[in-house]
Amino acid sequence: MPKASWNGTVIAESERTEMVEGNHYFPSEAVNSAYLRPSATHSVCPWKGTASYYDIVVEGNVNKDAAWYYPEAKEAAKQITGHVAFWKGVKVEG
């Protein structure tokens, strides 16, 4: 089962991830929001839309903008709307 962890803490785990461009996008209900802090960062993908970011916070340690999601993905990527993906040292296995 795909699992995302950082600093030894599991942030997300689900059998129902969506794979896009080599990234596991976890359904929002599979992500432990206690470790997420909204970020003001946004980026734009021409075919997926505008991404919003979260900082990951574990035991006071912050991994800035290490998670992202598309609140309103474009039609070509609608299956990842509201799903969360990870990078910046977050280990995704499965």
PDB file of N, CA and C in Angstrom:
ATOM      1  N   MET A   1       0.843  -1.176   0.000  1.00  0.00           N
ATOM      2  CA  MET A   1       0.000   0.000   0.000  1.00  0.00           C
ATOM      3  C   MET A   1       0.893   1.245   0.000  1.00  0.00           C
ATOM      4  N   PRO A   2       0.655   2.186  -0.904  1.00  0.00           N
ATOM      5  CA  PRO A   2       1.449   3.405  -0.924  1.00  0.00           C
ATOM      6  C   PRO A   2       1.360   4.168   0.397  1.00  0.00           C
ATOM      7  N   LYS A   3       2.542   4.653   0.810  1.00  0.00           N
ATOM      8  CA  LYS A   3       2.656   5.353   2.082  1.00  0.00           C
ATOM      9  C   LYS A   3       3.662   6.483   1.918  1.00  0.00           C
ATOM     10  N   ALA A   4       3.364   7.659   2.475  1.00  0.00           N
ATOM     11  CA  ALA A   4       4.276   8.805   2.460  1.00  0.00           C
ATOM     12  C   ALA A   4       4.715   9.087   3.885  1.00  0.00           C
ATOM     13  N   SER A   5       6.042   9.203   4.100  1.00  0.00           N
ATOM     14  CA  SER A   5       6.534   9.498   5.443  1.00  0.00           C
ATOM     15  C   SER A   5       7.684  10.498   5.381  1.00  0.00           C
ATOM     16  N   TRP A   6       7.835  11.218   6.483  1.00  0.00           N
ATOM     17  CA  TRP A   6       8.927  12.181   6.612  1.00  0.00           C
ATOM     18  C   TRP A   6       9.378  12.185   8.062  1.00  0.00           C
ATOM     19  N   ASN A   7      10.682  12.148   8.267  1.00  0.00           N
ATOM     20  CA  ASN A   7      11.258  12.113   9.616  1.00  0.00           C
ATOM     21  C   ASN A   7      10.684  10.959  10.436  1.00  0.00           C
ATOM     22  N   GLY A   8      10.448   9.817   9.770  1.00  0.00           N
ATOM     23  CA  GLY A   8       9.964   8.636  10.458  1.00  0.00           C
ATOM     24  C   GLY A   8       8.485   8.642  10.805  1.00  0.00           C
ATOM     25  N   THR A   9       7.758   9.658  10.345  1.00  0.00           N
ATOM     26  CA  THR A   9       6.329   9.777  10.644  1.00  0.00           C
ATOM     27  C   THR A   9       5.514   9.576   9.375  1.00  0.00           C
ATOM     28  N   VAL A  10       4.514   8.705   9.434  1.00  0.00           N
ATOM     29  CA  VAL A  10       3.644   8.475   8.277  1.00  0.00           C
ATOM     30  C   VAL A  10       2.686   9.660   8.140  1.00  0.00           C
ATOM     31  N   ILE A  11       2.709  10.279   6.972  1.00  0.00           N
ATOM     32  CA  ILE A  11       1.861  11.439   6.683  1.00  0.00           C
ATOM     33  C   ILE A  11       0.596  10.998   5.942  1.00  0.00           C
ATOM     34  N   ALA A  12       0.732  10.005   5.061  1.00  0.00           N
ATOM     35  CA  ALA A  12      -0.412   9.534   4.261  1.00  0.00           C
ATOM     36  C   ALA A  12      -0.227   8.062   3.935  1.00  0.00           C
ATOM     37  N   GLU A  13      -1.374   7.357   3.793  1.00  0.00           N
ATOM     38  CA  GLU A  13      -1.342   5.938   3.438  1.00  0.00           C
ATOM     39  C   GLU A  13      -2.673   5.581   2.795  1.00  0.00           C
ATOM     40  N   SER A  14      -2.620   4.967   1.603  1.00  0.00           N
ATOM     41  CA  SER A  14      -3.854   4.612   0.906  1.00  0.00           C
ATOM     42  C   SER A  14      -3.582   3.600  -0.198  1.00  0.00           C
ATOM     43  N   GLU A  15      -4.545   2.717  -0.422  1.00  0.00           N
ATOM     44  CA  GLU A  15      -4.476   1.796  -1.558  1.00  0.00           C
ATOM     45  C   GLU A  15      -5.045   2.452  -2.816  1.00  0.00           C
ATOM     46  N   ARG A  16      -5.622   3.648  -2.667  1.00  0.00           N
ATOM     47  CA  ARG A  16      -6.308   4.285  -3.789  1.00  0.00           C
ATOM     48  C   ARG A  16      -5.632   5.586  -4.228  1.00  0.00           C
ATOM     49  N   THR A  17      -4.333   5.554  -4.481  1.00  0.00           N
ATOM     50  CA  THR A  17      -3.660   6.744  -4.976  1.00  0.00           C
ATOM     51  C   THR A  17      -3.847   6.845  -6.486  1.00  0.00           C
ATOM     52  N   GLU A  18      -3.677   8.033  -7.007  1.00  0.00           N
ATOM     53  CA  GLU A  18      -3.682   8.270  -8.452  1.00  0.00           C
ATOM     54  C   GLU A  18      -2.240   8.575  -8.855  1.00  0.00           C
ATOM     55  N   MET A  19      -1.722   7.855  -9.853  1.00  0.00           N
ATOM     56  CA  MET A  19      -0.358   8.111 -10.334  1.00  0.00           C
ATOM     57  C   MET A  19      -0.403   9.081 -11.509  1.00  0.00           C
ATOM     58  N   VAL A  20       0.306  10.185 -11.368  1.00  0.00           N
ATOM     59  CA  VAL A  20       0.426  11.172 -12.439  1.00  0.00           C
ATOM     60  C   VAL A  20       1.875  11.633 -12.471  1.00  0.00           C
ATOM     61  N   GLU A  21       2.498  11.515 -13.624  1.00  0.00           N
ATOM     62  CA  GLU A  21       3.880  11.934 -13.832  1.00  0.00           C
ATOM     63  C   GLU A  21       4.814  11.369 -12.767  1.00  0.00           C
ATOM     64  N   GLY A  22       4.595  10.108 -12.396  1.00  0.00           N
ATOM     65  CA  GLY A  22       5.461   9.441 -11.434  1.00  0.00           C
ATOM     66  C   GLY A  22       5.201   9.778  -9.976  1.00  0.00           C
ATOM     67  N   ASN A  23       4.179  10.571  -9.693  1.00  0.00           N
ATOM     68  CA  ASN A  23       3.845  10.941  -8.318  1.00  0.00           C
ATOM     69  C   ASN A  23       2.563  10.258  -7.868  1.00  0.00           C
ATOM     70  N   HIS A  24       2.585   9.752  -6.635  1.00  0.00           N
ATOM     71  CA  HIS A  24       1.369   9.225  -6.019  1.00  0.00           C
ATOM     72  C   HIS A  24       0.584  10.412  -5.464  1.00  0.00           C
ATOM     73  N   TYR A  25      -0.661  10.549  -5.895  1.00  0.00           N
ATOM     74  CA  TYR A  25      -1.564  11.555  -5.332  1.00  0.00           C
ATOM     75  C   TYR A  25      -2.515  10.822  -4.394  1.00  0.00           C
ATOM     76  N   PHE A  26      -2.434  11.158  -3.103  1.00  0.00           N
ATOM     77  CA  PHE A  26      -3.232  10.493  -2.075  1.00  0.00           C
ATOM     78  C   PHE A  26      -4.568  11.202  -1.897  1.00  0.00           C
ATOM     79  N   PRO A  27      -5.660  10.449  -1.735  1.00  0.00           N
ATOM     80  CA  PRO A  27      -6.942  11.093  -1.449  1.00  0.00           C
ATOM     81  C   PRO A  27      -6.825  11.881  -0.143  1.00  0.00           C
ATOM     82  N   SER A  28      -7.496  13.013  -0.054  1.00  0.00           N
ATOM     83  CA  SER A  28      -7.358  13.881   1.120  1.00  0.00           C
ATOM     84  C   SER A  28      -7.691  13.156   2.421  1.00  0.00           C
ATOM     85  N   GLU A  29      -8.649  12.228   2.380  1.00  0.00           N
ATOM     86  CA  GLU A  29      -9.022  11.520   3.612  1.00  0.00           C
ATOM     87  C   GLU A  29      -7.940  10.533   4.076  1.00  0.00           C
ATOM     88  N   ALA A  30      -6.960  10.243   3.218  1.00  0.00           N
ATOM     89  CA  ALA A  30      -5.870   9.335   3.569  1.00  0.00           C
ATOM     90  C   ALA A  30      -4.651  10.076   4.117  1.00  0.00           C
ATOM     91  N   VAL A  31      -4.742  11.400   4.183  1.00  0.00           N
ATOM     92  CA  VAL A  31      -3.631  12.237   4.631  1.00  0.00           C
ATOM     93  C   VAL A  31      -3.916  12.725   6.052  1.00  0.00           C
ATOM     94  N   ASN A  32      -2.929  12.606   6.934  1.00  0.00           N
ATOM     95  CA  ASN A  32      -3.087  13.078   8.302  1.00  0.00           C
ATOM     96  C   ASN A  32      -2.859  14.588   8.321  1.00  0.00           C
ATOM     97  N   SER A  33      -3.936  15.340   8.321  1.00  0.00           N
ATOM     98  CA  SER A  33      -3.854  16.798   8.215  1.00  0.00           C
ATOM     99  C   SER A  33      -3.200  17.446   9.435  1.00  0.00           C
ATOM    100  N   ALA A  34      -3.019  16.703  10.518  1.00  0.00           N
ATOM    101  CA  ALA A  34      -2.340  17.249  11.701  1.00  0.00           C
ATOM    102  C   ALA A  34      -0.896  17.632  11.377  1.00  0.00           C
ATOM    103  N   TYR A  35      -0.330  17.031  10.323  1.00  0.00           N
ATOM    104  CA  TYR A  35       1.049  17.324   9.945  1.00  0.00           C
ATOM    105  C   TYR A  35       1.164  18.349   8.810  1.00  0.00           C
ATOM    106  N   LEU A  36       0.042  18.873   8.354  1.00  0.00           N
ATOM    107  CA  LEU A  36       0.046  19.832   7.247  1.00  0.00           C
ATOM    108  C   LEU A  36      -0.277  21.240   7.731  1.00  0.00           C
ATOM    109  N   ARG A  37       0.457  22.207   7.192  1.00  0.00           N
ATOM    110  CA  ARG A  37       0.194  23.613   7.477  1.00  0.00           C
ATOM    111  C   ARG A  37       0.074  24.330   6.134  1.00  0.00           C
ATOM    112  N   PRO A  38      -1.033  25.031   5.889  1.00  0.00           N
ATOM    113  CA  PRO A  38      -1.185  25.719   4.606  1.00  0.00           C
ATOM    114  C   PRO A  38      -0.029  26.673   4.325  1.00  0.00           C
ATOM    115  N   SER A  39       0.369  26.721   3.081  1.00  0.00           N
ATOM    116  CA  SER A  39       1.434  27.611   2.613  1.00  0.00           C
ATOM    117  C   SER A  39       0.823  28.621   1.639  1.00  0.00           C
ATOM    118  N   ALA A  40       1.468  29.745   1.489  1.00  0.00           N
ATOM    119  CA  ALA A  40       0.999  30.761   0.543  1.00  0.00           C
ATOM    120  C   ALA A  40       1.512  30.485  -0.873  1.00  0.00           C
ATOM    121  N   THR A  41       2.287  29.431  -1.056  1.00  0.00           N
ATOM    122  CA  THR A  41       2.898  29.113  -2.344  1.00  0.00           C
ATOM    123  C   THR A  41       1.879  28.510  -3.311  1.00  0.00           C
ATOM    124  N   HIS A  42       1.989  28.920  -4.578  1.00  0.00           N
ATOM    125  CA  HIS A  42       1.174  28.367  -5.664  1.00  0.00           C
ATOM    126  C   HIS A  42       2.071  28.207  -6.885  1.00  0.00           C
ATOM    127  N   SER A  43       1.732  27.256  -7.736  1.00  0.00           N
ATOM    128  CA  SER A  43       2.415  27.103  -9.017  1.00  0.00           C
ATOM    129  C   SER A  43       1.370  26.714 -10.053  1.00  0.00           C
ATOM    130  N   VAL A  44       1.735  26.876 -11.324  1.00  0.00           N
ATOM    131  CA  VAL A  44       0.778  26.589 -12.395  1.00  0.00           C
ATOM    132  C   VAL A  44       1.359  25.557 -13.346  1.00  0.00           C
ATOM    133  N   CYS A  45       0.558  24.541 -13.625  1.00  0.00           N
ATOM    134  CA  CYS A  45       0.884  23.531 -14.634  1.00  0.00           C
ATOM    135  C   CYS A  45      -0.076  23.764 -15.793  1.00  0.00           C
ATOM    136  N   PRO A  46       0.429  23.794 -17.029  1.00  0.00           N
ATOM    137  CA  PRO A  46      -0.449  24.092 -18.160  1.00  0.00           C
ATOM    138  C   PRO A  46      -1.611  23.117 -18.329  1.00  0.00           C
ATOM    139  N   TRP A  47      -1.430  21.850 -17.945  1.00  0.00           N
ATOM    140  CA  TRP A  47      -2.520  20.891 -18.168  1.00  0.00           C
ATOM    141  C   TRP A  47      -3.224  20.444 -16.888  1.00  0.00           C
ATOM    142  N   LYS A  48      -2.605  20.674 -15.721  1.00  0.00           N
ATOM    143  CA  LYS A  48      -3.257  20.282 -14.465  1.00  0.00           C
ATOM    144  C   LYS A  48      -3.940  21.458 -13.770  1.00  0.00           C
ATOM    145  N   GLY A  49      -3.408  22.658 -13.932  1.00  0.00           N
ATOM    146  CA  GLY A  49      -4.010  23.829 -13.306  1.00  0.00           C
ATOM    147  C   GLY A  49      -3.105  24.446 -12.257  1.00  0.00           C
ATOM    148  N   THR A  50      -3.709  25.151 -11.297  1.00  0.00           N
ATOM    149  CA  THR A  50      -2.963  25.845 -10.250  1.00  0.00           C
ATOM    150  C   THR A  50      -2.876  24.969  -9.003  1.00  0.00           C
ATOM    151  N   ALA A  51      -1.647  24.733  -8.565  1.00  0.00           N
ATOM    152  CA  ALA A  51      -1.409  23.923  -7.366  1.00  0.00           C
ATOM    153  C   ALA A  51      -1.252  24.825  -6.149  1.00  0.00           C
ATOM    154  N   SER A  52      -1.748  24.339  -5.036  1.00  0.00           N
ATOM    155  CA  SER A  52      -1.529  24.970  -3.736  1.00  0.00           C
ATOM    156  C   SER A  52      -0.617  24.039  -2.937  1.00  0.00           C
ATOM    157  N   TYR A  53       0.063  24.595  -1.935  1.00  0.00           N
ATOM    158  CA  TYR A  53       1.060  23.828  -1.191  1.00  0.00           C
ATOM    159  C   TYR A  53       0.781  23.806   0.302  1.00  0.00           C
ATOM    160  N   TYR A  54       1.367  22.787   0.941  1.00  0.00           N
ATOM    161  CA  TYR A  54       1.382  22.674   2.402  1.00  0.00           C
ATOM    162  C   TYR A  54       2.831  22.539   2.855  1.00  0.00           C
ATOM    163  N   ASP A  55       3.139  23.089   4.020  1.00  0.00           N
ATOM    164  CA  ASP A  55       4.366  22.747   4.717  1.00  0.00           C
ATOM    165  C   ASP A  55       4.042  21.491   5.518  1.00  0.00           C
ATOM    166  N   ILE A  56       5.021  20.616   5.686  1.00  0.00           N
ATOM    167  CA  ILE A  56       4.852  19.461   6.564  1.00  0.00           C
ATOM    168  C   ILE A  56       5.578  19.782   7.863  1.00  0.00           C
ATOM    169  N   VAL A  57       4.886  19.586   8.978  1.00  0.00           N
ATOM    170  CA  VAL A  57       5.453  19.883  10.293  1.00  0.00           C
ATOM    171  C   VAL A  57       5.373  18.623  11.158  1.00  0.00           C
ATOM    172  N   VAL A  58       6.550  18.123  11.546  1.00  0.00           N
ATOM    173  CA  VAL A  58       6.636  16.928  12.390  1.00  0.00           C
ATOM    174  C   VAL A  58       7.551  17.257  13.571  1.00  0.00           C
ATOM    175  N   GLU A  59       6.996  17.180  14.773  1.00  0.00           N
ATOM    176  CA  GLU A  59       7.750  17.443  16.001  1.00  0.00           C
ATOM    177  C   GLU A  59       8.530  18.757  15.923  1.00  0.00           C
ATOM    178  N   GLY A  60       7.889  19.788  15.407  1.00  0.00           N
ATOM    179  CA  GLY A  60       8.504  21.111  15.330  1.00  0.00           C
ATOM    180  C   GLY A  60       9.412  21.331  14.134  1.00  0.00           C
ATOM    181  N   ASN A  61       9.735  20.273  13.378  1.00  0.00           N
ATOM    182  CA  ASN A  61      10.557  20.402  12.180  1.00  0.00           C
ATOM    183  C   ASN A  61       9.649  20.698  10.989  1.00  0.00           C
ATOM    184  N   VAL A  62      10.059  21.682  10.169  1.00  0.00           N
ATOM    185  CA  VAL A  62       9.237  22.126   9.043  1.00  0.00           C
ATOM    186  C   VAL A  62       9.908  21.774   7.721  1.00  0.00           C
ATOM    187  N   ASN A  63       9.149  21.147   6.833  1.00  0.00           N
ATOM    188  CA  ASN A  63       9.578  20.875   5.462  1.00  0.00           C
ATOM    189  C   ASN A  63       8.690  21.745   4.578  1.00  0.00           C
ATOM    190  N   LYS A  64       9.224  22.925   4.201  1.00  0.00           N
ATOM    191  CA  LYS A  64       8.434  23.937   3.505  1.00  0.00           C
ATOM    192  C   LYS A  64       7.981  23.472   2.127  1.00  0.00           C
ATOM    193  N   ASP A  65       6.692  23.647   1.858  1.00  0.00           N
ATOM    194  CA  ASP A  65       6.101  23.351   0.547  1.00  0.00           C
ATOM    195  C   ASP A  65       6.360  21.915   0.077  1.00  0.00           C
ATOM    196  N   ALA A  66       6.393  20.975   1.010  1.00  0.00           N
ATOM    197  CA  ALA A  66       6.729  19.585   0.673  1.00  0.00           C
ATOM    198  C   ALA A  66       5.527  18.775   0.195  1.00  0.00           C
ATOM    199  N   ALA A  67       4.338  19.360   0.255  1.00  0.00           N
ATOM    200  CA  ALA A  67       3.136  18.679  -0.237  1.00  0.00           C
ATOM    201  C   ALA A  67       2.369  19.656  -1.116  1.00  0.00           C
ATOM    202  N   TRP A  68       1.731  19.126  -2.155  1.00  0.00           N
ATOM    203  CA  TRP A  68       0.928  19.989  -3.016  1.00  0.00           C
ATOM    204  C   TRP A  68      -0.348  19.287  -3.442  1.00  0.00           C
ATOM    205  N   TYR A  69      -1.296  20.110  -3.873  1.00  0.00           N
ATOM    206  CA  TYR A  69      -2.584  19.581  -4.334  1.00  0.00           C
ATOM    207  C   TYR A  69      -3.206  20.576  -5.301  1.00  0.00           C
ATOM    208  N   TYR A  70      -4.151  20.091  -6.074  1.00  0.00           N
ATOM    209  CA  TYR A  70      -4.891  20.919  -7.031  1.00  0.00           C
ATOM    210  C   TYR A  70      -6.334  21.027  -6.545  1.00  0.00           C
ATOM    211  N   PRO A  71      -6.708  22.166  -5.949  1.00  0.00           N
ATOM    212  CA  PRO A  71      -8.080  22.298  -5.442  1.00  0.00           C
ATOM    213  C   PRO A  71      -9.124  22.211  -6.549  1.00  0.00           C
ATOM    214  N   GLU A  72      -8.748  22.675  -7.742  1.00  0.00           N
ATOM    215  CA  GLU A  72      -9.644  22.622  -8.899  1.00  0.00           C
ATOM    216  C   GLU A  72      -8.819  22.284 -10.132  1.00  0.00           C
ATOM    217  N   ALA A  73      -8.460  21.022 -10.275  1.00  0.00           N
ATOM    218  CA  ALA A  73      -7.642  20.599 -11.415  1.00  0.00           C
ATOM    219  C   ALA A  73      -8.416  20.774 -12.719  1.00  0.00           C
ATOM    220  N   LYS A  74      -7.668  20.986 -13.790  1.00  0.00           N
ATOM    221  CA  LYS A  74      -8.289  21.090 -15.115  1.00  0.00           C
ATOM    222  C   LYS A  74      -8.869  19.736 -15.522  1.00  0.00           C
ATOM    223  N   GLU A  75      -9.679  19.741 -16.549  1.00  0.00           N
ATOM    224  CA  GLU A  75     -10.387  18.538 -17.008  1.00  0.00           C
ATOM    225  C   GLU A  75      -9.439  17.352 -17.243  1.00  0.00           C
ATOM    226  N   ALA A  76      -8.269  17.603 -17.828  1.00  0.00           N
ATOM    227  CA  ALA A  76      -7.327  16.527 -18.139  1.00  0.00           C
ATOM    228  C   ALA A  76      -6.778  15.841 -16.892  1.00  0.00           C
ATOM    229  N   ALA A  77      -6.888  16.505 -15.742  1.00  0.00           N
ATOM    230  CA  ALA A  77      -6.347  15.953 -14.490  1.00  0.00           C
ATOM    231  C   ALA A  77      -7.400  15.904 -13.387  1.00  0.00           C
ATOM    232  N   LYS A  78      -8.653  15.883 -13.770  1.00  0.00           N
ATOM    233  CA  LYS A  78      -9.734  15.976 -12.770  1.00  0.00           C
ATOM    234  C   LYS A  78      -9.669  14.882 -11.708  1.00  0.00           C
ATOM    235  N   GLN A  79      -9.057  13.723 -12.031  1.00  0.00           N
ATOM    236  CA  GLN A  79      -8.985  12.620 -11.063  1.00  0.00           C
ATOM    237  C   GLN A  79      -8.110  12.946  -9.854  1.00  0.00           C
ATOM    238  N   ILE A  80      -7.265  13.994  -9.939  1.00  0.00           N
ATOM    239  CA  ILE A  80      -6.413  14.342  -8.793  1.00  0.00           C
ATOM    240  C   ILE A  80      -6.930  15.564  -8.024  1.00  0.00           C
ATOM    241  N   THR A  81      -8.084  16.070  -8.385  1.00  0.00           N
ATOM    242  CA  THR A  81      -8.650  17.206  -7.646  1.00  0.00           C
ATOM    243  C   THR A  81      -8.736  16.852  -6.168  1.00  0.00           C
ATOM    244  N   GLY A  82      -8.143  17.698  -5.329  1.00  0.00           N
ATOM    245  CA  GLY A  82      -8.184  17.491  -3.893  1.00  0.00           C
ATOM    246  C   GLY A  82      -7.239  16.430  -3.357  1.00  0.00           C
ATOM    247  N   HIS A  83      -6.512  15.727  -4.236  1.00  0.00           N
ATOM    248  CA  HIS A  83      -5.539  14.726  -3.797  1.00  0.00           C
ATOM    249  C   HIS A  83      -4.214  15.422  -3.463  1.00  0.00           C
ATOM    250  N   VAL A  84      -3.414  14.811  -2.606  1.00  0.00           N
ATOM    251  CA  VAL A  84      -2.167  15.414  -2.137  1.00  0.00           C
ATOM    252  C   VAL A  84      -0.974  14.573  -2.572  1.00  0.00           C
ATOM    253  N   ALA A  85       0.061  15.253  -3.102  1.00  0.00           N
ATOM    254  CA  ALA A  85       1.309  14.589  -3.500  1.00  0.00           C
ATOM    255  C   ALA A  85       2.455  15.198  -2.693  1.00  0.00           C
ATOM    256  N   PHE A  86       3.591  14.505  -2.693  1.00  0.00           N
ATOM    257  CA  PHE A  86       4.710  14.894  -1.837  1.00  0.00           C
ATOM    258  C   PHE A  86       6.028  14.904  -2.594  1.00  0.00           C
ATOM    259  N   TRP A  87       6.978  15.689  -2.074  1.00  0.00           N
ATOM    260  CA  TRP A  87       8.346  15.727  -2.584  1.00  0.00           C
ATOM    261  C   TRP A  87       9.227  16.291  -1.490  1.00  0.00           C
ATOM    262  N   LYS A  88      10.416  16.813  -1.833  1.00  0.00           N
ATOM    263  CA  LYS A  88      11.337  17.450  -0.878  1.00  0.00           C
ATOM    264  C   LYS A  88      11.688  16.536   0.294  1.00  0.00           C
ATOM    265  N   GLY A  89      12.102  15.325  -0.023  1.00  0.00           N
ATOM    266  CA  GLY A  89      12.562  14.423   1.014  1.00  0.00           C
ATOM    267  C   GLY A  89      11.492  13.558   1.648  1.00  0.00           C
ATOM    268  N   VAL A  90      10.242  13.749   1.267  1.00  0.00           N
ATOM    269  CA  VAL A  90       9.183  12.876   1.769  1.00  0.00           C
ATOM    270  C   VAL A  90       9.321  11.546   1.040  1.00  0.00           C
ATOM    271  N   LYS A  91       9.412  10.472   1.801  1.00  0.00           N
ATOM    272  CA  LYS A  91       9.618   9.139   1.226  1.00  0.00           C
ATOM    273  C   LYS A  91       8.258   8.536   0.887  1.00  0.00           C
ATOM    274  N   VAL A  92       8.061   8.229  -0.395  1.00  0.00           N
ATOM    275  CA  VAL A  92       6.819   7.591  -0.829  1.00  0.00           C
ATOM    276  C   VAL A  92       7.157   6.185  -1.289  1.00  0.00           C
ATOM    277  N   GLU A  93       6.571   5.202  -0.619  1.00  0.00           N
ATOM    278  CA  GLU A  93       6.837   3.797  -0.932  1.00  0.00           C
ATOM    279  C   GLU A  93       5.538   3.098  -1.271  1.00  0.00           C
ATOM    280  N   GLY A  94       5.672   2.040  -2.034  1.00  0.00           N
ATOM    281  CA  GLY A  94       4.496   1.216  -2.316  1.00  0.00           C
ATOM    282  C   GLY A  94       4.107   1.253  -3.686  1.00  0.00           C
TER     283      GLY A  94
END
